Amino acid sequence: MEFNKIFLKSLSLLKITNVEMALPRITGRQMQRSNVPSATPEEYYRRNMYLRLLADFENQLRDRFDAHKKVVVGLNMLLPKFCASASLSDIDDAVQFYLGDCG
């Protein structure tokens, strides 16, 4: 597990600086941040920090590359395997995307 490696590294850094790993103070009603219950500091940081970071990273990748999906599909239609069945409208997104580069 990658999180275990990160967590163990953070523990070693805390040990060097003489800081003890502890659970943050949890309030009964939390409005501005995550308040997922956990029994250990490792579980807390995995649930509240690491998993959220991975989810945000995944969303950013999806947002970034979904816009290029039509362009890539259009370029795929230029391959000989798909060229015979493709129409000009299939590659229109790719043409519009690269039109400025072909000046």
PDB file of N, CA and C in Angstrom:
ATOM      1  N   MET A   1       0.830  -1.185   0.000  1.00  0.00           N
ATOM      2  CA  MET A   1       0.000   0.000   0.000  1.00  0.00           C
ATOM      3  C   MET A   1       0.873   1.246   0.000  1.00  0.00           C
ATOM      4  N   GLU A   2       0.588   2.139  -0.911  1.00  0.00           N
ATOM      5  CA  GLU A   2       1.367   3.360  -1.020  1.00  0.00           C
ATOM      6  C   GLU A   2       1.152   4.280   0.183  1.00  0.00           C
ATOM      7  N   PHE A   3      -0.058   4.314   0.713  1.00  0.00           N
ATOM      8  CA  PHE A   3      -0.313   5.181   1.861  1.00  0.00           C
ATOM      9  C   PHE A   3       0.555   4.778   3.047  1.00  0.00           C
ATOM     10  N   ASN A   4       0.743   3.478   3.254  1.00  0.00           N
ATOM     11  CA  ASN A   4       1.596   3.016   4.363  1.00  0.00           C
ATOM     12  C   ASN A   4       3.006   3.579   4.256  1.00  0.00           C
ATOM     13  N   LYS A   5       3.559   3.600   3.048  1.00  0.00           N
ATOM     14  CA  LYS A   5       4.905   4.145   2.854  1.00  0.00           C
ATOM     15  C   LYS A   5       4.944   5.627   3.219  1.00  0.00           C
ATOM     16  N   ILE A   6       3.944   6.359   2.757  1.00  0.00           N
ATOM     17  CA  ILE A   6       3.882   7.793   3.052  1.00  0.00           C
ATOM     18  C   ILE A   6       3.722   8.026   4.550  1.00  0.00           C
ATOM     19  N   PHE A   7       2.845   7.251   5.168  1.00  0.00           N
ATOM     20  CA  PHE A   7       2.586   7.423   6.595  1.00  0.00           C
ATOM     21  C   PHE A   7       3.825   7.086   7.422  1.00  0.00           C
ATOM     22  N   LEU A   8       4.512   6.004   7.083  1.00  0.00           N
ATOM     23  CA  LEU A   8       5.730   5.635   7.814  1.00  0.00           C
ATOM     24  C   LEU A   8       6.821   6.692   7.649  1.00  0.00           C
ATOM     25  N   LYS A   9       6.924   7.256   6.457  1.00  0.00           N
ATOM     26  CA  LYS A   9       7.901   8.327   6.231  1.00  0.00           C
ATOM     27  C   LYS A   9       7.555   9.550   7.082  1.00  0.00           C
ATOM     28  N   SER A  10       6.265   9.874   7.157  1.00  0.00           N
ATOM     29  CA  SER A  10       5.870  11.022   7.983  1.00  0.00           C
ATOM     30  C   SER A  10       6.142  10.753   9.460  1.00  0.00           C
ATOM     31  N   LEU A  11       5.951   9.510   9.900  1.00  0.00           N
ATOM     32  CA  LEU A  11       6.264   9.164  11.292  1.00  0.00           C
ATOM     33  C   LEU A  11       7.749   9.343  11.584  1.00  0.00           C
ATOM     34  N   SER A  12       8.587   8.939  10.631  1.00  0.00           N
ATOM     35  CA  SER A  12      10.031   9.096  10.853  1.00  0.00           C
ATOM     36  C   SER A  12      10.420  10.576  10.896  1.00  0.00           C
ATOM     37  N   LEU A  13       9.772  11.405  10.077  1.00  0.00           N
ATOM     38  CA  LEU A  13      10.047  12.847  10.121  1.00  0.00           C
ATOM     39  C   LEU A  13       9.570  13.461  11.433  1.00  0.00           C
ATOM     40  N   LEU A  14       8.434  12.988  11.925  1.00  0.00           N
ATOM     41  CA  LEU A  14       7.941  13.477  13.215  1.00  0.00           C
ATOM     42  C   LEU A  14       8.885  13.088  14.348  1.00  0.00           C
ATOM     43  N   LYS A  15       9.438  11.887  14.250  1.00  0.00           N
ATOM     44  CA  LYS A  15      10.362  11.421  15.288  1.00  0.00           C
ATOM     45  C   LYS A  15      11.621  12.289  15.319  1.00  0.00           C
ATOM     46  N   ILE A  16      12.109  12.660  14.152  1.00  0.00           N
ATOM     47  CA  ILE A  16      13.300  13.514  14.066  1.00  0.00           C
ATOM     48  C   ILE A  16      13.043  14.857  14.739  1.00  0.00           C
ATOM     49  N   THR A  17      11.840  15.377  14.570  1.00  0.00           N
ATOM     50  CA  THR A  17      11.510  16.695  15.133  1.00  0.00           C
ATOM     51  C   THR A  17      10.886  16.615  16.521  1.00  0.00           C
ATOM     52  N   ASN A  18      10.860  15.411  17.089  1.00  0.00           N
ATOM     53  CA  ASN A  18      10.298  15.182  18.431  1.00  0.00           C
ATOM     54  C   ASN A  18       8.839  15.627  18.564  1.00  0.00           C
ATOM     55  N   VAL A  19       8.053  15.313  17.543  1.00  0.00           N
ATOM     56  CA  VAL A  19       6.620  15.608  17.559  1.00  0.00           C
ATOM     57  C   VAL A  19       5.879  14.282  17.563  1.00  0.00           C
ATOM     58  N   GLU A  20       4.845  14.196  18.377  1.00  0.00           N
ATOM     59  CA  GLU A  20       4.082  12.957  18.490  1.00  0.00           C
ATOM     60  C   GLU A  20       2.882  12.995  17.547  1.00  0.00           C
ATOM     61  N   MET A  21       2.643  11.874  16.863  1.00  0.00           N
ATOM     62  CA  MET A  21       1.483  11.748  15.981  1.00  0.00           C
ATOM     63  C   MET A  21       0.242  11.581  16.841  1.00  0.00           C
ATOM     64  N   ALA A  22      -0.760  12.391  16.584  1.00  0.00           N
ATOM     65  CA  ALA A  22      -2.002  12.311  17.355  1.00  0.00           C
ATOM     66  C   ALA A  22      -3.180  12.636  16.450  1.00  0.00           C
ATOM     67  N   LEU A  23      -4.336  12.195  16.883  1.00  0.00           N
ATOM     68  CA  LEU A  23      -5.559  12.543  16.165  1.00  0.00           C
ATOM     69  C   LEU A  23      -5.865  14.018  16.381  1.00  0.00           C
ATOM     70  N   PRO A  24      -6.303  14.711  15.350  1.00  0.00           N
ATOM     71  CA  PRO A  24      -6.732  16.089  15.560  1.00  0.00           C
ATOM     72  C   PRO A  24      -7.983  16.132  16.433  1.00  0.00           C
ATOM     73  N   ARG A  25      -8.226  17.266  17.020  1.00  0.00           N
ATOM     74  CA  ARG A  25      -9.415  17.417  17.846  1.00  0.00           C
ATOM     75  C   ARG A  25     -10.647  17.295  16.954  1.00  0.00           C
ATOM     76  N   ILE A  26     -11.578  16.451  17.357  1.00  0.00           N
ATOM     77  CA  ILE A  26     -12.808  16.223  16.598  1.00  0.00           C
ATOM     78  C   ILE A  26     -13.958  16.878  17.358  1.00  0.00           C
ATOM     79  N   THR A  27     -14.745  17.647  16.655  1.00  0.00           N
ATOM     80  CA  THR A  27     -15.900  18.277  17.290  1.00  0.00           C
ATOM     81  C   THR A  27     -17.160  17.495  16.968  1.00  0.00           C
ATOM     82  N   GLY A  28     -18.190  17.729  17.735  1.00  0.00           N
ATOM     83  CA  GLY A  28     -19.451  17.027  17.513  1.00  0.00           C
ATOM     84  C   GLY A  28     -20.115  17.418  16.210  1.00  0.00           C
ATOM     85  N   ARG A  29     -20.023  18.690  15.855  1.00  0.00           N
ATOM     86  CA  ARG A  29     -20.660  19.172  14.634  1.00  0.00           C
ATOM     87  C   ARG A  29     -19.625  19.946  13.832  1.00  0.00           C
ATOM     88  N   GLN A  30     -19.258  19.403  12.715  1.00  0.00           N
ATOM     89  CA  GLN A  30     -18.219  20.014  11.893  1.00  0.00           C
ATOM     90  C   GLN A  30     -18.836  20.480  10.583  1.00  0.00           C
ATOM     91  N   MET A  31     -18.624  21.721  10.212  1.00  0.00           N
ATOM     92  CA  MET A  31     -19.238  22.268   9.005  1.00  0.00           C
ATOM     93  C   MET A  31     -18.239  22.472   7.866  1.00  0.00           C
ATOM     94  N   GLN A  32     -17.017  22.819   8.153  1.00  0.00           N
ATOM     95  CA  GLN A  32     -16.091  23.245   7.121  1.00  0.00           C
ATOM     96  C   GLN A  32     -15.105  22.176   6.649  1.00  0.00           C
ATOM     97  N   ARG A  33     -14.921  21.101   7.400  1.00  0.00           N
ATOM     98  CA  ARG A  33     -13.977  20.064   6.978  1.00  0.00           C
ATOM     99  C   ARG A  33     -14.552  18.694   7.252  1.00  0.00           C
ATOM    100  N   SER A  34     -13.852  17.720   6.740  1.00  0.00           N
ATOM    101  CA  SER A  34     -14.272  16.336   6.925  1.00  0.00           C
ATOM    102  C   SER A  34     -14.135  15.932   8.386  1.00  0.00           C
ATOM    103  N   ASN A  35     -15.060  15.133   8.857  1.00  0.00           N
ATOM    104  CA  ASN A  35     -15.060  14.704  10.254  1.00  0.00           C
ATOM    105  C   ASN A  35     -15.366  13.207  10.324  1.00  0.00           C
ATOM    106  N   VAL A  36     -14.722  12.428   9.468  1.00  0.00           N
ATOM    107  CA  VAL A  36     -14.957  10.994   9.409  1.00  0.00           C
ATOM    108  C   VAL A  36     -14.389  10.347  10.666  1.00  0.00           C
ATOM    109  N   PRO A  37     -15.184   9.541  11.358  1.00  0.00           N
ATOM    110  CA  PRO A  37     -14.676   8.909  12.583  1.00  0.00           C
ATOM    111  C   PRO A  37     -13.550   7.918  12.281  1.00  0.00           C
ATOM    112  N   SER A  38     -12.570   7.874  13.164  1.00  0.00           N
ATOM    113  CA  SER A  38     -11.458   6.943  13.005  1.00  0.00           C
ATOM    114  C   SER A  38     -10.862   6.642  14.374  1.00  0.00           C
ATOM    115  N   ALA A  39     -10.270   5.452  14.477  1.00  0.00           N
ATOM    116  CA  ALA A  39      -9.731   5.005  15.759  1.00  0.00           C
ATOM    117  C   ALA A  39      -8.254   5.358  15.934  1.00  0.00           C
ATOM    118  N   THR A  40      -7.527   5.458  14.829  1.00  0.00           N
ATOM    119  CA  THR A  40      -6.088   5.711  14.907  1.00  0.00           C
ATOM    120  C   THR A  40      -5.723   6.913  14.036  1.00  0.00           C
ATOM    121  N   PRO A  41      -4.581   7.534  14.304  1.00  0.00           N
ATOM    122  CA  PRO A  41      -4.141   8.630  13.434  1.00  0.00           C
ATOM    123  C   PRO A  41      -3.950   8.177  11.985  1.00  0.00           C
ATOM    124  N   GLU A  42      -3.433   6.966  11.798  1.00  0.00           N
ATOM    125  CA  GLU A  42      -3.233   6.462  10.438  1.00  0.00           C
ATOM    126  C   GLU A  42      -4.561   6.368   9.692  1.00  0.00           C
ATOM    127  N   GLU A  43      -5.554   5.823  10.344  1.00  0.00           N
ATOM    128  CA  GLU A  43      -6.877   5.693   9.735  1.00  0.00           C
ATOM    129  C   GLU A  43      -7.477   7.076   9.439  1.00  0.00           C
ATOM    130  N   TYR A  44      -7.306   8.007  10.373  1.00  0.00           N
ATOM    131  CA  TYR A  44      -7.820   9.363  10.185  1.00  0.00           C
ATOM    132  C   TYR A  44      -7.200  10.009   8.947  1.00  0.00           C
ATOM    133  N   TYR A  45      -5.869   9.984   8.847  1.00  0.00           N
ATOM    134  CA  TYR A  45      -5.203  10.649   7.732  1.00  0.00           C
ATOM    135  C   TYR A  45      -5.454   9.931   6.411  1.00  0.00           C
ATOM    136  N   ARG A  46      -5.628   8.622   6.447  1.00  0.00           N
ATOM    137  CA  ARG A  46      -5.964   7.891   5.227  1.00  0.00           C
ATOM    138  C   ARG A  46      -7.343   8.325   4.727  1.00  0.00           C
ATOM    139  N   ARG A  47      -8.305   8.342   5.627  1.00  0.00           N
ATOM    140  CA  ARG A  47      -9.684   8.661   5.226  1.00  0.00           C
ATOM    141  C   ARG A  47      -9.885  10.134   4.898  1.00  0.00           C
ATOM    142  N   ASN A  48      -9.342  11.008   5.712  1.00  0.00           N
ATOM    143  CA  ASN A  48      -9.629  12.432   5.581  1.00  0.00           C
ATOM    144  C   ASN A  48      -8.677  13.198   4.678  1.00  0.00           C
ATOM    145  N   MET A  49      -7.495  12.700   4.469  1.00  0.00           N
ATOM    146  CA  MET A  49      -6.526  13.426   3.650  1.00  0.00           C
ATOM    147  C   MET A  49      -6.174  12.675   2.368  1.00  0.00           C
ATOM    148  N   TYR A  50      -5.671  11.452   2.529  1.00  0.00           N
ATOM    149  CA  TYR A  50      -5.136  10.704   1.394  1.00  0.00           C
ATOM    150  C   TYR A  50      -6.220  10.364   0.378  1.00  0.00           C
ATOM    151  N   LEU A  51      -7.336   9.805   0.825  1.00  0.00           N
ATOM    152  CA  LEU A  51      -8.400   9.418  -0.102  1.00  0.00           C
ATOM    153  C   LEU A  51      -9.020  10.640  -0.773  1.00  0.00           C
ATOM    154  N   ARG A  52      -9.141  11.732  -0.029  1.00  0.00           N
ATOM    155  CA  ARG A  52      -9.655  12.967  -0.626  1.00  0.00           C
ATOM    156  C   ARG A  52      -8.688  13.500  -1.676  1.00  0.00           C
ATOM    157  N   LEU A  53      -7.397  13.440  -1.393  1.00  0.00           N
ATOM    158  CA  LEU A  53      -6.391  13.879  -2.354  1.00  0.00           C
ATOM    159  C   LEU A  53      -6.467  13.050  -3.628  1.00  0.00           C
ATOM    160  N   LEU A  54      -6.577  11.727  -3.490  1.00  0.00           N
ATOM    161  CA  LEU A  54      -6.684  10.869  -4.668  1.00  0.00           C
ATOM    162  C   LEU A  54      -7.946  11.167  -5.466  1.00  0.00           C
ATOM    163  N   ALA A  55      -9.062  11.389  -4.791  1.00  0.00           N
ATOM    164  CA  ALA A  55     -10.316  11.699  -5.479  1.00  0.00           C
ATOM    165  C   ALA A  55     -10.208  13.028  -6.226  1.00  0.00           C
ATOM    166  N   ASP A  56      -9.606  14.029  -5.601  1.00  0.00           N
ATOM    167  CA  ASP A  56      -9.424  15.320  -6.266  1.00  0.00           C
ATOM    168  C   ASP A  56      -8.495  15.194  -7.468  1.00  0.00           C
ATOM    169  N   PHE A  57      -7.441  14.416  -7.318  1.00  0.00           N
ATOM    170  CA  PHE A  57      -6.499  14.193  -8.415  1.00  0.00           C
ATOM    171  C   PHE A  57      -7.200  13.505  -9.584  1.00  0.00           C
ATOM    172  N   GLU A  58      -7.997  12.484  -9.279  1.00  0.00           N
ATOM    173  CA  GLU A  58      -8.743  11.775 -10.322  1.00  0.00           C
ATOM    174  C   GLU A  58      -9.713  12.714 -11.036  1.00  0.00           C
ATOM    175  N   ASN A  59     -10.409  13.545 -10.292  1.00  0.00           N
ATOM    176  CA  ASN A  59     -11.349  14.495 -10.902  1.00  0.00           C
ATOM    177  C   ASN A  59     -10.635  15.496 -11.802  1.00  0.00           C
ATOM    178  N   GLN A  60      -9.472  15.962 -11.373  1.00  0.00           N
ATOM    179  CA  GLN A  60      -8.725  16.904 -12.202  1.00  0.00           C
ATOM    180  C   GLN A  60      -8.239  16.249 -13.490  1.00  0.00           C
ATOM    181  N   LEU A  61      -7.780  15.003 -13.402  1.00  0.00           N
ATOM    182  CA  LEU A  61      -7.379  14.292 -14.616  1.00  0.00           C
ATOM    183  C   LEU A  61      -8.562  14.096 -15.552  1.00  0.00           C
ATOM    184  N   ARG A  62      -9.695  13.709 -14.981  1.00  0.00           N
ATOM    185  CA  ARG A  62     -10.897  13.506 -15.790  1.00  0.00           C
ATOM    186  C   ARG A  62     -11.318  14.818 -16.458  1.00  0.00           C
ATOM    187  N   ASP A  63     -11.337  15.906 -15.715  1.00  0.00           N
ATOM    188  CA  ASP A  63     -11.711  17.203 -16.288  1.00  0.00           C
ATOM    189  C   ASP A  63     -10.760  17.614 -17.403  1.00  0.00           C
ATOM    190  N   ARG A  64      -9.497  17.353 -17.183  1.00  0.00           N
ATOM    191  CA  ARG A  64      -8.498  17.771 -18.160  1.00  0.00           C
ATOM    192  C   ARG A  64      -8.574  16.964 -19.451  1.00  0.00           C
ATOM    193  N   PHE A  65      -8.778  15.651 -19.340  1.00  0.00           N
ATOM    194  CA  PHE A  65      -8.697  14.807 -20.520  1.00  0.00           C
ATOM    195  C   PHE A  65     -10.035  14.498 -21.169  1.00  0.00           C
ATOM    196  N   ASP A  66     -11.150  14.712 -20.493  1.00  0.00           N
ATOM    197  CA  ASP A  66     -12.448  14.509 -21.134  1.00  0.00           C
ATOM    198  C   ASP A  66     -12.649  15.488 -22.281  1.00  0.00           C
ATOM    199  N   ALA A  67     -12.120  16.685 -22.133  1.00  0.00           N
ATOM    200  CA  ALA A  67     -12.240  17.677 -23.194  1.00  0.00           C
ATOM    201  C   ALA A  67     -11.501  17.234 -24.454  1.00  0.00           C
ATOM    202  N   HIS A  68     -10.456  16.458 -24.303  1.00  0.00           N
ATOM    203  CA  HIS A  68      -9.661  16.015 -25.451  1.00  0.00           C
ATOM    204  C   HIS A  68     -10.133  14.677 -26.017  1.00  0.00           C
ATOM    205  N   LYS A  69     -11.130  14.093 -25.396  1.00  0.00           N
ATOM    206  CA  LYS A  69     -11.596  12.777 -25.823  1.00  0.00           C
ATOM    207  C   LYS A  69     -12.102  12.806 -27.269  1.00  0.00           C
ATOM    208  N   LYS A  70     -12.916  13.803 -27.618  1.00  0.00           N
ATOM    209  CA  LYS A  70     -13.452  13.904 -28.978  1.00  0.00           C
ATOM    210  C   LYS A  70     -12.338  14.117 -29.990  1.00  0.00           C
ATOM    211  N   VAL A  71     -11.338  14.893 -29.595  1.00  0.00           N
ATOM    212  CA  VAL A  71     -10.212  15.149 -30.491  1.00  0.00           C
ATOM    213  C   VAL A  71      -9.470  13.853 -30.780  1.00  0.00           C
ATOM    214  N   VAL A  72      -9.213  13.078 -29.747  1.00  0.00           N
ATOM    215  CA  VAL A  72      -8.481  11.817 -29.912  1.00  0.00           C
ATOM    216  C   VAL A  72      -9.291  10.828 -30.748  1.00  0.00           C
ATOM    217  N   VAL A  73     -10.591  10.763 -30.507  1.00  0.00           N
ATOM    218  CA  VAL A  73     -11.442   9.871 -31.304  1.00  0.00           C
ATOM    219  C   VAL A  73     -11.415  10.309 -32.764  1.00  0.00           C
ATOM    220  N   GLY A  74     -11.443  11.613 -33.000  1.00  0.00           N
ATOM    221  CA  GLY A  74     -11.373  12.119 -34.370  1.00  0.00           C
ATOM    222  C   GLY A  74     -10.063  11.761 -35.043  1.00  0.00           C
ATOM    223  N   LEU A  75      -8.967  11.870 -34.304  1.00  0.00           N
ATOM    224  CA  LEU A  75      -7.667  11.486 -34.868  1.00  0.00           C
ATOM    225  C   LEU A  75      -7.602   9.991 -35.138  1.00  0.00           C
ATOM    226  N   ASN A  76      -8.274   9.228 -34.310  1.00  0.00           N
ATOM    227  CA  ASN A  76      -8.326   7.780 -34.493  1.00  0.00           C
ATOM    228  C   ASN A  76      -8.984   7.425 -35.826  1.00  0.00           C
ATOM    229  N   MET A  77      -9.915   8.257 -36.270  1.00  0.00           N
ATOM    230  CA  MET A  77     -10.618   8.003 -37.529  1.00  0.00           C
ATOM    231  C   MET A  77      -9.709   8.180 -38.741  1.00  0.00           C
ATOM    232  N   LEU A  78      -8.543   8.772 -38.557  1.00  0.00           N
ATOM    233  CA  LEU A  78      -7.593   8.925 -39.657  1.00  0.00           C
ATOM    234  C   LEU A  78      -6.765   7.663 -39.895  1.00  0.00           C
ATOM    235  N   LEU A  79      -6.825   6.723 -38.968  1.00  0.00           N
ATOM    236  CA  LEU A  79      -6.102   5.462 -39.140  1.00  0.00           C
ATOM    237  C   LEU A  79      -6.747   4.649 -40.260  1.00  0.00           C
ATOM    238  N   PRO A  80      -5.931   3.956 -41.054  1.00  0.00           N
ATOM    239  CA  PRO A  80      -6.482   3.189 -42.176  1.00  0.00           C
ATOM    240  C   PRO A  80      -7.592   2.214 -41.774  1.00  0.00           C
ATOM    241  N   LYS A  81      -7.497   1.657 -40.607  1.00  0.00           N
ATOM    242  CA  LYS A  81      -8.497   0.687 -40.152  1.00  0.00           C
ATOM    243  C   LYS A  81      -9.891   1.314 -40.068  1.00  0.00           C
ATOM    244  N   PHE A  82      -9.966   2.588 -39.665  1.00  0.00           N
ATOM    245  CA  PHE A  82     -11.254   3.254 -39.466  1.00  0.00           C
ATOM    246  C   PHE A  82     -11.581   4.270 -40.561  1.00  0.00           C
ATOM    247  N   CYS A  83     -10.624   4.590 -41.392  1.00  0.00           N
ATOM    248  CA  CYS A  83     -10.768   5.652 -42.379  1.00  0.00           C
ATOM    249  C   CYS A  83     -11.916   5.386 -43.362  1.00  0.00           C
ATOM    250  N   ALA A  84     -12.073   4.152 -43.786  1.00  0.00           N
ATOM    251  CA  ALA A  84     -13.103   3.823 -44.778  1.00  0.00           C
ATOM    252  C   ALA A  84     -14.510   4.069 -44.242  1.00  0.00           C
ATOM    253  N   SER A  85     -14.715   3.854 -42.958  1.00  0.00           N
ATOM    254  CA  SER A  85     -16.056   4.020 -42.388  1.00  0.00           C
ATOM    255  C   SER A  85     -16.272   5.402 -41.770  1.00  0.00           C
ATOM    256  N   ALA A  86     -15.249   6.259 -41.788  1.00  0.00           N
ATOM    257  CA  ALA A  86     -15.348   7.575 -41.154  1.00  0.00           C
ATOM    258  C   ALA A  86     -15.924   8.605 -42.119  1.00  0.00           C
ATOM    259  N   SER A  87     -16.573   9.599 -41.543  1.00  0.00           N
ATOM    260  CA  SER A  87     -17.055  10.727 -42.341  1.00  0.00           C
ATOM    261  C   SER A  87     -16.297  11.980 -41.899  1.00  0.00           C
ATOM    262  N   LEU A  88     -16.461  13.051 -42.647  1.00  0.00           N
ATOM    263  CA  LEU A  88     -15.774  14.293 -42.292  1.00  0.00           C
ATOM    264  C   LEU A  88     -16.240  14.830 -40.942  1.00  0.00           C
ATOM    265  N   SER A  89     -17.486  14.579 -40.585  1.00  0.00           N
ATOM    266  CA  SER A  89     -17.978  15.059 -39.289  1.00  0.00           C
ATOM    267  C   SER A  89     -17.306  14.330 -38.125  1.00  0.00           C
ATOM    268  N   ASP A  90     -16.802  13.117 -38.374  1.00  0.00           N
ATOM    269  CA  ASP A  90     -16.116  12.358 -37.321  1.00  0.00           C
ATOM    270  C   ASP A  90     -14.790  13.003 -36.920  1.00  0.00           C
ATOM    271  N   ILE A  91     -14.145  13.671 -37.872  1.00  0.00           N
ATOM    272  CA  ILE A  91     -12.847  14.279 -37.573  1.00  0.00           C
ATOM    273  C   ILE A  91     -12.938  15.787 -37.370  1.00  0.00           C
ATOM    274  N   ASP A  92     -14.150  16.334 -37.400  1.00  0.00           N
ATOM    275  CA  ASP A  92     -14.327  17.782 -37.294  1.00  0.00           C
ATOM    276  C   ASP A  92     -13.742  18.360 -36.003  1.00  0.00           C
ATOM    277  N   ASP A  93     -13.951  17.690 -34.862  1.00  0.00           N
ATOM    278  CA  ASP A  93     -13.407  18.196 -33.594  1.00  0.00           C
ATOM    279  C   ASP A  93     -11.883  18.261 -33.627  1.00  0.00           C
ATOM    280  N   ALA A  94     -11.256  17.240 -34.213  1.00  0.00           N
ATOM    281  CA  ALA A  94      -9.794  17.225 -34.307  1.00  0.00           C
ATOM    282  C   ALA A  94      -9.308  18.325 -35.245  1.00  0.00           C
ATOM    283  N   VAL A  95     -10.008  18.517 -36.357  1.00  0.00           N
ATOM    284  CA  VAL A  95      -9.626  19.569 -37.307  1.00  0.00           C
ATOM    285  C   VAL A  95      -9.724  20.940 -36.639  1.00  0.00           C
ATOM    286  N   GLN A  96     -10.825  21.198 -35.935  1.00  0.00           N
ATOM    287  CA  GLN A  96     -11.005  22.489 -35.266  1.00  0.00           C
ATOM    288  C   GLN A  96      -9.954  22.710 -34.176  1.00  0.00           C
ATOM    289  N   PHE A  97      -9.593  21.643 -33.481  1.00  0.00           N
ATOM    290  CA  PHE A  97      -8.613  21.747 -32.402  1.00  0.00           C
ATOM    291  C   PHE A  97      -7.232  22.125 -32.941  1.00  0.00           C
ATOM    292  N   TYR A  98      -6.831  21.510 -34.066  1.00  0.00           N
ATOM    293  CA  TYR A  98      -5.489  21.723 -34.602  1.00  0.00           C
ATOM    294  C   TYR A  98      -5.429  22.779 -35.703  1.00  0.00           C
ATOM    295  N   LEU A  99      -6.541  23.397 -36.031  1.00  0.00           N
ATOM    296  CA  LEU A  99      -6.577  24.378 -37.111  1.00  0.00           C
ATOM    297  C   LEU A  99      -5.613  25.538 -36.869  1.00  0.00           C
ATOM    298  N   GLY A 100      -5.523  26.005 -35.651  1.00  0.00           N
ATOM    299  CA  GLY A 100      -4.615  27.109 -35.329  1.00  0.00           C
ATOM    300  C   GLY A 100      -3.147  26.740 -35.465  1.00  0.00           C
ATOM    301  N   ASP A 101      -2.816  25.465 -35.316  1.00  0.00           N
ATOM    302  CA  ASP A 101      -1.426  25.014 -35.424  1.00  0.00           C
ATOM    303  C   ASP A 101      -0.981  24.858 -36.870  1.00  0.00           C
ATOM    304  N   CYS A 102      -1.925  24.802 -37.787  1.00  0.00           N
ATOM    305  CA  CYS A 102      -1.608  24.534 -39.196  1.00  0.00           C
ATOM    306  C   CYS A 102      -1.495  25.811 -40.014  1.00  0.00           C
ATOM    307  N   GLY A 103      -1.517  26.967 -39.374  1.00  0.00           N
ATOM    308  CA  GLY A 103      -1.507  28.292 -39.980  1.00  0.00           C
ATOM    309  C   GLY A 103      -0.659  28.422 -41.149  1.00  0.00           C
TER     310      GLY A 103
END
